[in-house]
Amino acid sequence: CPVKEAYPGDAYVDIVSMDIYLSN
């Protein structure tokens, strides 16, 4: 999830990621 206020914190995360579906 690329939303700053939602980030769980470094103590809970190993990898940060996004899902990207371009329209074209």
mmCIF file of all heavy atoms, coordinates in Angstrom:
data_MODEL
# 
_entry.id   MODEL 
# 
loop_
_atom_site.group_PDB 
_atom_site.id 
_atom_site.type_symbol 
_atom_site.label_atom_id 
_atom_site.label_alt_id 
_atom_site.label_comp_id 
_atom_site.label_asym_id 
_atom_site.label_entity_id 
_atom_site.label_seq_id 
_atom_site.pdbx_PDB_ins_code 
_atom_site.Cartn_x 
_atom_site.Cartn_y 
_atom_site.Cartn_z 
_atom_site.occupancy 
_atom_site.B_iso_or_equiv 
_atom_site.pdbx_formal_charge 
_atom_site.auth_seq_id 
_atom_site.auth_comp_id 
_atom_site.auth_asym_id 
_atom_site.auth_atom_id 
_atom_site.pdbx_PDB_model_num 
ATOM 1   N N   . CYS A 1 1  ? 0.836  -1.199 0.000   1.00 0.00 ? 1  CYS A N   1 
ATOM 2   C CA  . CYS A 1 1  ? 0.000  0.000  0.000   1.00 0.00 ? 1  CYS A CA  1 
ATOM 3   C C   . CYS A 1 1  ? 0.871  1.249  0.000   1.00 0.00 ? 1  CYS A C   1 
ATOM 4   O O   . CYS A 1 1  ? 1.682  1.428  0.901   1.00 0.00 ? 1  CYS A O   1 
ATOM 5   C CB  . CYS A 1 1  ? -0.905 -0.008 1.231   1.00 0.00 ? 1  CYS A CB  1 
ATOM 6   S SG  . CYS A 1 1  ? -1.882 1.480  1.466   1.00 0.00 ? 1  CYS A SG  1 
ATOM 7   N N   . PRO A 1 2  ? 0.690  2.138  -0.983  1.00 0.00 ? 2  PRO A N   1 
ATOM 8   C CA  . PRO A 1 2  ? 1.514  3.353  -1.053  1.00 0.00 ? 2  PRO A CA  1 
ATOM 9   C C   . PRO A 1 2  ? 0.846  4.565  -0.403  1.00 0.00 ? 2  PRO A C   1 
ATOM 10  O O   . PRO A 1 2  ? 0.761  5.639  -1.000  1.00 0.00 ? 2  PRO A O   1 
ATOM 11  C CB  . PRO A 1 2  ? 1.664  3.546  -2.561  1.00 0.00 ? 2  PRO A CB  1 
ATOM 12  C CG  . PRO A 1 2  ? 0.366  3.077  -3.116  1.00 0.00 ? 2  PRO A CG  1 
ATOM 13  C CD  . PRO A 1 2  ? -0.119 1.977  -2.209  1.00 0.00 ? 2  PRO A CD  1 
ATOM 14  N N   . VAL A 1 3  ? 0.352  4.384  0.829   1.00 0.00 ? 3  VAL A N   1 
ATOM 15  C CA  . VAL A 1 3  ? -0.306 5.477  1.550   1.00 0.00 ? 3  VAL A CA  1 
ATOM 16  C C   . VAL A 1 3  ? 0.458  5.712  2.857   1.00 0.00 ? 3  VAL A C   1 
ATOM 17  O O   . VAL A 1 3  ? 0.541  4.822  3.706   1.00 0.00 ? 3  VAL A O   1 
ATOM 18  C CB  . VAL A 1 3  ? -1.785 5.154  1.848   1.00 0.00 ? 3  VAL A CB  1 
ATOM 19  C CG1 . VAL A 1 3  ? -2.424 6.273  2.670   1.00 0.00 ? 3  VAL A CG1 1 
ATOM 20  C CG2 . VAL A 1 3  ? -2.559 4.943  0.542   1.00 0.00 ? 3  VAL A CG2 1 
ATOM 21  N N   . LYS A 1 4  ? 0.991  6.904  3.014   1.00 0.00 ? 4  LYS A N   1 
ATOM 22  C CA  . LYS A 1 4  ? 1.911  7.195  4.114   1.00 0.00 ? 4  LYS A CA  1 
ATOM 23  C C   . LYS A 1 4  ? 1.291  6.972  5.486   1.00 0.00 ? 4  LYS A C   1 
ATOM 24  O O   . LYS A 1 4  ? 1.894  6.342  6.364   1.00 0.00 ? 4  LYS A O   1 
ATOM 25  C CB  . LYS A 1 4  ? 2.406  8.634  3.993   1.00 0.00 ? 4  LYS A CB  1 
ATOM 26  C CG  . LYS A 1 4  ? 3.541  8.980  4.946   1.00 0.00 ? 4  LYS A CG  1 
ATOM 27  C CD  . LYS A 1 4  ? 4.161  10.318 4.614   1.00 0.00 ? 4  LYS A CD  1 
ATOM 28  C CE  . LYS A 1 4  ? 5.403  10.591 5.450   1.00 0.00 ? 4  LYS A CE  1 
ATOM 29  N NZ  . LYS A 1 4  ? 6.080  11.843 5.075   1.00 0.00 ? 4  LYS A NZ  1 
ATOM 30  N N   . GLU A 1 5  ? 0.075  7.478  5.695   1.00 0.00 ? 5  GLU A N   1 
ATOM 31  C CA  . GLU A 1 5  ? -0.525 7.386  7.029   1.00 0.00 ? 5  GLU A CA  1 
ATOM 32  C C   . GLU A 1 5  ? -0.904 5.955  7.402   1.00 0.00 ? 5  GLU A C   1 
ATOM 33  O O   . GLU A 1 5  ? -1.199 5.665  8.564   1.00 0.00 ? 5  GLU A O   1 
ATOM 34  C CB  . GLU A 1 5  ? -1.753 8.288  7.135   1.00 0.00 ? 5  GLU A CB  1 
ATOM 35  C CG  . GLU A 1 5  ? -2.869 8.009  6.152   1.00 0.00 ? 5  GLU A CG  1 
ATOM 36  C CD  . GLU A 1 5  ? -2.740 8.807  4.868   1.00 0.00 ? 5  GLU A CD  1 
ATOM 37  O OE1 . GLU A 1 5  ? -1.612 9.203  4.513   1.00 0.00 ? 5  GLU A OE1 1 
ATOM 38  O OE2 . GLU A 1 5  ? -3.788 9.030  4.216   1.00 0.00 ? 5  GLU A OE2 1 
ATOM 39  N N   . ALA A 1 6  ? -0.884 5.037  6.431   1.00 0.00 ? 6  ALA A N   1 
ATOM 40  C CA  . ALA A 1 6  ? -1.261 3.650  6.696   1.00 0.00 ? 6  ALA A CA  1 
ATOM 41  C C   . ALA A 1 6  ? -0.061 2.739  6.954   1.00 0.00 ? 6  ALA A C   1 
ATOM 42  O O   . ALA A 1 6  ? -0.244 1.598  7.377   1.00 0.00 ? 6  ALA A O   1 
ATOM 43  C CB  . ALA A 1 6  ? -2.080 3.100  5.532   1.00 0.00 ? 6  ALA A CB  1 
ATOM 44  N N   . TYR A 1 7  ? 1.148  3.223  6.709   1.00 0.00 ? 7  TYR A N   1 
ATOM 45  C CA  . TYR A 1 7  ? 2.317  2.351  6.835   1.00 0.00 ? 7  TYR A CA  1 
ATOM 46  C C   . TYR A 1 7  ? 2.408  1.768  8.249   1.00 0.00 ? 7  TYR A C   1 
ATOM 47  O O   . TYR A 1 7  ? 2.418  2.513  9.238   1.00 0.00 ? 7  TYR A O   1 
ATOM 48  C CB  . TYR A 1 7  ? 3.589  3.125  6.492   1.00 0.00 ? 7  TYR A CB  1 
ATOM 49  C CG  . TYR A 1 7  ? 4.839  2.282  6.511   1.00 0.00 ? 7  TYR A CG  1 
ATOM 50  C CD1 . TYR A 1 7  ? 4.956  1.153  5.701   1.00 0.00 ? 7  TYR A CD1 1 
ATOM 51  C CD2 . TYR A 1 7  ? 5.913  2.601  7.349   1.00 0.00 ? 7  TYR A CD2 1 
ATOM 52  C CE1 . TYR A 1 7  ? 6.101  0.371  5.716   1.00 0.00 ? 7  TYR A CE1 1 
ATOM 53  C CE2 . TYR A 1 7  ? 7.068  1.827  7.362   1.00 0.00 ? 7  TYR A CE2 1 
ATOM 54  C CZ  . TYR A 1 7  ? 7.149  0.716  6.543   1.00 0.00 ? 7  TYR A CZ  1 
ATOM 55  O OH  . TYR A 1 7  ? 8.294  -0.060 6.573   1.00 0.00 ? 7  TYR A OH  1 
ATOM 56  N N   . PRO A 1 8  ? 2.477  0.436  8.389   1.00 0.00 ? 8  PRO A N   1 
ATOM 57  C CA  . PRO A 1 8  ? 2.476  -0.184 9.730   1.00 0.00 ? 8  PRO A CA  1 
ATOM 58  C C   . PRO A 1 8  ? 3.700  0.149  10.568  1.00 0.00 ? 8  PRO A C   1 
ATOM 59  O O   . PRO A 1 8  ? 3.665  0.043  11.796  1.00 0.00 ? 8  PRO A O   1 
ATOM 60  C CB  . PRO A 1 8  ? 2.435  -1.685 9.420   1.00 0.00 ? 8  PRO A CB  1 
ATOM 61  C CG  . PRO A 1 8  ? 1.938  -1.786 8.022   1.00 0.00 ? 8  PRO A CG  1 
ATOM 62  C CD  . PRO A 1 8  ? 2.438  -0.563 7.320   1.00 0.00 ? 8  PRO A CD  1 
ATOM 63  N N   . GLY A 1 9  ? 4.812  0.498  9.925   1.00 0.00 ? 9  GLY A N   1 
ATOM 64  C CA  . GLY A 1 9  ? 6.053  0.768  10.636  1.00 0.00 ? 9  GLY A CA  1 
ATOM 65  C C   . GLY A 1 9  ? 7.113  -0.251 10.290  1.00 0.00 ? 9  GLY A C   1 
ATOM 66  O O   . GLY A 1 9  ? 6.824  -1.410 9.983   1.00 0.00 ? 9  GLY A O   1 
ATOM 67  N N   . ASP A 1 10 ? 8.352  0.174  10.349  1.00 0.00 ? 10 ASP A N   1 
ATOM 68  C CA  . ASP A 1 10 ? 9.467  -0.697 9.958   1.00 0.00 ? 10 ASP A CA  1 
ATOM 69  C C   . ASP A 1 10 ? 9.540  -1.979 10.777  1.00 0.00 ? 10 ASP A C   1 
ATOM 70  O O   . ASP A 1 10 ? 10.031 -3.000 10.294  1.00 0.00 ? 10 ASP A O   1 
ATOM 71  C CB  . ASP A 1 10 ? 10.786 0.066  10.087  1.00 0.00 ? 10 ASP A CB  1 
ATOM 72  C CG  . ASP A 1 10 ? 11.020 1.040  8.944   1.00 0.00 ? 10 ASP A CG  1 
ATOM 73  O OD1 . ASP A 1 10 ? 10.166 1.132  8.034   1.00 0.00 ? 10 ASP A OD1 1 
ATOM 74  O OD2 . ASP A 1 10 ? 12.063 1.727  8.961   1.00 0.00 ? 10 ASP A OD2 1 
ATOM 75  N N   . ALA A 1 11 ? 9.047  -1.941 11.999  1.00 0.00 ? 11 ALA A N   1 
ATOM 76  C CA  . ALA A 1 11 ? 9.119  -3.119 12.864  1.00 0.00 ? 11 ALA A CA  1 
ATOM 77  C C   . ALA A 1 11 ? 8.186  -4.243 12.406  1.00 0.00 ? 11 ALA A C   1 
ATOM 78  O O   . ALA A 1 11 ? 8.292  -5.371 12.892  1.00 0.00 ? 11 ALA A O   1 
ATOM 79  C CB  . ALA A 1 11 ? 8.770  -2.730 14.301  1.00 0.00 ? 11 ALA A CB  1 
ATOM 80  N N   . TYR A 1 12 ? 7.286  -3.932 11.462  1.00 0.00 ? 12 TYR A N   1 
ATOM 81  C CA  . TYR A 1 12 ? 6.301  -4.917 11.012  1.00 0.00 ? 12 TYR A CA  1 
ATOM 82  C C   . TYR A 1 12 ? 6.460  -5.298 9.541   1.00 0.00 ? 12 TYR A C   1 
ATOM 83  O O   . TYR A 1 12 ? 5.686  -6.102 9.032   1.00 0.00 ? 12 TYR A O   1 
ATOM 84  C CB  . TYR A 1 12 ? 4.887  -4.367 11.215  1.00 0.00 ? 12 TYR A CB  1 
ATOM 85  C CG  . TYR A 1 12 ? 4.535  -4.109 12.662  1.00 0.00 ? 12 TYR A CG  1 
ATOM 86  C CD1 . TYR A 1 12 ? 4.833  -2.891 13.262  1.00 0.00 ? 12 TYR A CD1 1 
ATOM 87  C CD2 . TYR A 1 12 ? 3.917  -5.086 13.436  1.00 0.00 ? 12 TYR A CD2 1 
ATOM 88  C CE1 . TYR A 1 12 ? 4.518  -2.648 14.595  1.00 0.00 ? 12 TYR A CE1 1 
ATOM 89  C CE2 . TYR A 1 12 ? 3.603  -4.859 14.761  1.00 0.00 ? 12 TYR A CE2 1 
ATOM 90  C CZ  . TYR A 1 12 ? 3.909  -3.639 15.337  1.00 0.00 ? 12 TYR A CZ  1 
ATOM 91  O OH  . TYR A 1 12 ? 3.606  -3.406 16.654  1.00 0.00 ? 12 TYR A OH  1 
ATOM 92  N N   . VAL A 1 13 ? 7.429  -4.728 8.872   1.00 0.00 ? 13 VAL A N   1 
ATOM 93  C CA  . VAL A 1 13 ? 7.507  -4.871 7.410   1.00 0.00 ? 13 VAL A CA  1 
ATOM 94  C C   . VAL A 1 13 ? 8.909  -5.286 6.981   1.00 0.00 ? 13 VAL A C   1 
ATOM 95  O O   . VAL A 1 13 ? 9.905  -4.773 7.497   1.00 0.00 ? 13 VAL A O   1 
ATOM 96  C CB  . VAL A 1 13 ? 7.115  -3.540 6.724   1.00 0.00 ? 13 VAL A CB  1 
ATOM 97  C CG1 . VAL A 1 13 ? 7.345  -3.621 5.219   1.00 0.00 ? 13 VAL A CG1 1 
ATOM 98  C CG2 . VAL A 1 13 ? 5.668  -3.172 7.035   1.00 0.00 ? 13 VAL A CG2 1 
ATOM 99  N N   . ASP A 1 14 ? 8.955  -6.218 6.013   1.00 0.00 ? 14 ASP A N   1 
ATOM 100 C CA  . ASP A 1 14 ? 10.224 -6.596 5.392   1.00 0.00 ? 14 ASP A CA  1 
ATOM 101 C C   . ASP A 1 14 ? 10.361 -6.001 3.993   1.00 0.00 ? 14 ASP A C   1 
ATOM 102 O O   . ASP A 1 14 ? 11.434 -5.553 3.611   1.00 0.00 ? 14 ASP A O   1 
ATOM 103 C CB  . ASP A 1 14 ? 10.332 -8.121 5.290   1.00 0.00 ? 14 ASP A CB  1 
ATOM 104 C CG  . ASP A 1 14 ? 10.455 -8.788 6.643   1.00 0.00 ? 14 ASP A CG  1 
ATOM 105 O OD1 . ASP A 1 14 ? 11.304 -8.352 7.451   1.00 0.00 ? 14 ASP A OD1 1 
ATOM 106 O OD2 . ASP A 1 14 ? 9.694  -9.742 6.913   1.00 0.00 ? 14 ASP A OD2 1 
ATOM 107 N N   . ILE A 1 15 ? 9.271  -6.035 3.239   1.00 0.00 ? 15 ILE A N   1 
ATOM 108 C CA  . ILE A 1 15 ? 9.272  -5.552 1.857   1.00 0.00 ? 15 ILE A CA  1 
ATOM 109 C C   . ILE A 1 15 ? 8.100  -4.604 1.658   1.00 0.00 ? 15 ILE A C   1 
ATOM 110 O O   . ILE A 1 15 ? 6.983  -4.877 2.117   1.00 0.00 ? 15 ILE A O   1 
ATOM 111 C CB  . ILE A 1 15 ? 9.172  -6.730 0.864   1.00 0.00 ? 15 ILE A CB  1 
ATOM 112 C CG1 . ILE A 1 15 ? 10.442 -7.582 0.932   1.00 0.00 ? 15 ILE A CG1 1 
ATOM 113 C CG2 . ILE A 1 15 ? 8.928  -6.247 -0.563  1.00 0.00 ? 15 ILE A CG2 1 
ATOM 114 C CD1 . ILE A 1 15 ? 10.392 -8.831 0.078   1.00 0.00 ? 15 ILE A CD1 1 
ATOM 115 N N   . VAL A 1 16 ? 8.350  -3.484 1.000   1.00 0.00 ? 16 VAL A N   1 
ATOM 116 C CA  . VAL A 1 16 ? 7.269  -2.568 0.625   1.00 0.00 ? 16 VAL A CA  1 
ATOM 117 C C   . VAL A 1 16 ? 6.972  -2.801 -0.853  1.00 0.00 ? 16 VAL A C   1 
ATOM 118 O O   . VAL A 1 16 ? 7.881  -3.058 -1.654  1.00 0.00 ? 16 VAL A O   1 
ATOM 119 C CB  . VAL A 1 16 ? 7.640  -1.095 0.890   1.00 0.00 ? 16 VAL A CB  1 
ATOM 120 C CG1 . VAL A 1 16 ? 7.781  -0.855 2.388   1.00 0.00 ? 16 VAL A CG1 1 
ATOM 121 C CG2 . VAL A 1 16 ? 8.913  -0.685 0.164   1.00 0.00 ? 16 VAL A CG2 1 
ATOM 122 N N   . SER A 1 17 ? 5.696  -2.730 -1.208  1.00 0.00 ? 17 SER A N   1 
ATOM 123 C CA  . SER A 1 17 ? 5.331  -3.100 -2.575  1.00 0.00 ? 17 SER A CA  1 
ATOM 124 C C   . SER A 1 17 ? 4.117  -2.328 -3.052  1.00 0.00 ? 17 SER A C   1 
ATOM 125 O O   . SER A 1 17 ? 3.370  -1.732 -2.269  1.00 0.00 ? 17 SER A O   1 
ATOM 126 C CB  . SER A 1 17 ? 5.057  -4.603 -2.654  1.00 0.00 ? 17 SER A CB  1 
ATOM 127 O OG  . SER A 1 17 ? 3.858  -4.933 -1.977  1.00 0.00 ? 17 SER A OG  1 
ATOM 128 N N   . MET A 1 18 ? 3.931  -2.375 -4.375  1.00 0.00 ? 18 MET A N   1 
ATOM 129 C CA  . MET A 1 18 ? 2.770  -1.777 -5.025  1.00 0.00 ? 18 MET A CA  1 
ATOM 130 C C   . MET A 1 18 ? 2.209  -2.752 -6.049  1.00 0.00 ? 18 MET A C   1 
ATOM 131 O O   . MET A 1 18 ? 2.932  -3.586 -6.589  1.00 0.00 ? 18 MET A O   1 
ATOM 132 C CB  . MET A 1 18 ? 3.154  -0.485 -5.769  1.00 0.00 ? 18 MET A CB  1 
ATOM 133 C CG  . MET A 1 18 ? 3.471  0.701  -4.915  1.00 0.00 ? 18 MET A CG  1 
ATOM 134 S SD  . MET A 1 18 ? 3.884  2.160  -5.930  1.00 0.00 ? 18 MET A SD  1 
ATOM 135 C CE  . MET A 1 18 ? 2.262  2.601  -6.597  1.00 0.00 ? 18 MET A CE  1 
ATOM 136 N N   . ASP A 1 19 ? 0.913  -2.623 -6.310  1.00 0.00 ? 19 ASP A N   1 
ATOM 137 C CA  . ASP A 1 19 ? 0.278  -3.281 -7.443  1.00 0.00 ? 19 ASP A CA  1 
ATOM 138 C C   . ASP A 1 19 ? -0.020 -2.191 -8.463  1.00 0.00 ? 19 ASP A C   1 
ATOM 139 O O   . ASP A 1 19 ? -0.642 -1.176 -8.119  1.00 0.00 ? 19 ASP A O   1 
ATOM 140 C CB  . ASP A 1 19 ? -1.020 -3.965 -7.025  1.00 0.00 ? 19 ASP A CB  1 
ATOM 141 C CG  . ASP A 1 19 ? -0.791 -5.157 -6.100  1.00 0.00 ? 19 ASP A CG  1 
ATOM 142 O OD1 . ASP A 1 19 ? 0.381  -5.418 -5.760  1.00 0.00 ? 19 ASP A OD1 1 
ATOM 143 O OD2 . ASP A 1 19 ? -1.777 -5.807 -5.726  1.00 0.00 ? 19 ASP A OD2 1 
ATOM 144 N N   . ILE A 1 20 ? 0.396  -2.395 -9.706  1.00 0.00 ? 20 ILE A N   1 
ATOM 145 C CA  . ILE A 1 20 ? 0.240  -1.361 -10.730 1.00 0.00 ? 20 ILE A CA  1 
ATOM 146 C C   . ILE A 1 20 ? -0.397 -1.960 -11.978 1.00 0.00 ? 20 ILE A C   1 
ATOM 147 O O   . ILE A 1 20 ? 0.154  -2.885 -12.589 1.00 0.00 ? 20 ILE A O   1 
ATOM 148 C CB  . ILE A 1 20 ? 1.595  -0.716 -11.106 1.00 0.00 ? 20 ILE A CB  1 
ATOM 149 C CG1 . ILE A 1 20 ? 2.295  -0.173 -9.857  1.00 0.00 ? 20 ILE A CG1 1 
ATOM 150 C CG2 . ILE A 1 20 ? 1.388  0.392  -12.136 1.00 0.00 ? 20 ILE A CG2 1 
ATOM 151 C CD1 . ILE A 1 20 ? 3.708  0.331  -10.112 1.00 0.00 ? 20 ILE A CD1 1 
ATOM 152 N N   . TYR A 1 21 ? -1.562 -1.418 -12.338 1.00 0.00 ? 21 TYR A N   1 
ATOM 153 C CA  . TYR A 1 21 ? -2.256 -1.817 -13.556 1.00 0.00 ? 21 TYR A CA  1 
ATOM 154 C C   . TYR A 1 21 ? -2.501 -0.571 -14.396 1.00 0.00 ? 21 TYR A C   1 
ATOM 155 O O   . TYR A 1 21 ? -3.428 0.196  -14.132 1.00 0.00 ? 21 TYR A O   1 
ATOM 156 C CB  . TYR A 1 21 ? -3.577 -2.518 -13.215 1.00 0.00 ? 21 TYR A CB  1 
ATOM 157 C CG  . TYR A 1 21 ? -3.372 -3.893 -12.617 1.00 0.00 ? 21 TYR A CG  1 
ATOM 158 C CD1 . TYR A 1 21 ? -3.229 -4.061 -11.243 1.00 0.00 ? 21 TYR A CD1 1 
ATOM 159 C CD2 . TYR A 1 21 ? -3.300 -5.016 -13.425 1.00 0.00 ? 21 TYR A CD2 1 
ATOM 160 C CE1 . TYR A 1 21 ? -3.020 -5.316 -10.692 1.00 0.00 ? 21 TYR A CE1 1 
ATOM 161 C CE2 . TYR A 1 21 ? -3.102 -6.285 -12.886 1.00 0.00 ? 21 TYR A CE2 1 
ATOM 162 C CZ  . TYR A 1 21 ? -2.955 -6.428 -11.517 1.00 0.00 ? 21 TYR A CZ  1 
ATOM 163 O OH  . TYR A 1 21 ? -2.751 -7.674 -10.978 1.00 0.00 ? 21 TYR A OH  1 
ATOM 164 N N   . LEU A 1 22 ? -1.655 -0.353 -15.369 1.00 0.00 ? 22 LEU A N   1 
ATOM 165 C CA  . LEU A 1 22 ? -1.794 0.793  -16.255 1.00 0.00 ? 22 LEU A CA  1 
ATOM 166 C C   . LEU A 1 22 ? -2.975 0.575  -17.195 1.00 0.00 ? 22 LEU A C   1 
ATOM 167 O O   . LEU A 1 22 ? -3.250 -0.550 -17.616 1.00 0.00 ? 22 LEU A O   1 
ATOM 168 C CB  . LEU A 1 22 ? -0.520 0.986  -17.078 1.00 0.00 ? 22 LEU A CB  1 
ATOM 169 C CG  . LEU A 1 22 ? 0.784  1.197  -16.294 1.00 0.00 ? 22 LEU A CG  1 
ATOM 170 C CD1 . LEU A 1 22 ? 1.969  1.261  -17.260 1.00 0.00 ? 22 LEU A CD1 1 
ATOM 171 C CD2 . LEU A 1 22 ? 0.718  2.453  -15.452 1.00 0.00 ? 22 LEU A CD2 1 
ATOM 172 N N   . SER A 1 23 ? -3.670 1.652  -17.520 1.00 0.00 ? 23 SER A N   1 
ATOM 173 C CA  . SER A 1 23 ? -4.827 1.532  -18.413 1.00 0.00 ? 23 SER A CA  1 
ATOM 174 C C   . SER A 1 23 ? -4.405 1.206  -19.841 1.00 0.00 ? 23 SER A C   1 
ATOM 175 O O   . SER A 1 23 ? -5.144 0.566  -20.593 1.00 0.00 ? 23 SER A O   1 
ATOM 176 C CB  . SER A 1 23 ? -5.646 2.826  -18.390 1.00 0.00 ? 23 SER A CB  1 
ATOM 177 O OG  . SER A 1 23 ? -4.833 3.941  -18.711 1.00 0.00 ? 23 SER A OG  1 
ATOM 178 N N   . ASN A 1 24 ? -3.207 1.632  -20.207 1.00 0.00 ? 24 ASN A N   1 
ATOM 179 C CA  . ASN A 1 24 ? -2.657 1.334  -21.528 1.00 0.00 ? 24 ASN A CA  1 
ATOM 180 C C   . ASN A 1 24 ? -1.166 1.042  -21.395 1.00 0.00 ? 24 ASN A C   1 
ATOM 181 O O   . ASN A 1 24 ? -0.509 1.526  -20.468 1.00 0.00 ? 24 ASN A O   1 
ATOM 182 C CB  . ASN A 1 24 ? -2.853 2.503  -22.492 1.00 0.00 ? 24 ASN A CB  1 
ATOM 183 C CG  . ASN A 1 24 ? -4.318 2.777  -22.772 1.00 0.00 ? 24 ASN A CG  1 
ATOM 184 O OD1 . ASN A 1 24 ? -4.996 1.981  -23.420 1.00 0.00 ? 24 ASN A OD1 1 
ATOM 185 N ND2 . ASN A 1 24 ? -4.812 3.902  -22.274 1.00 0.00 ? 24 ASN A ND2 1 
# 
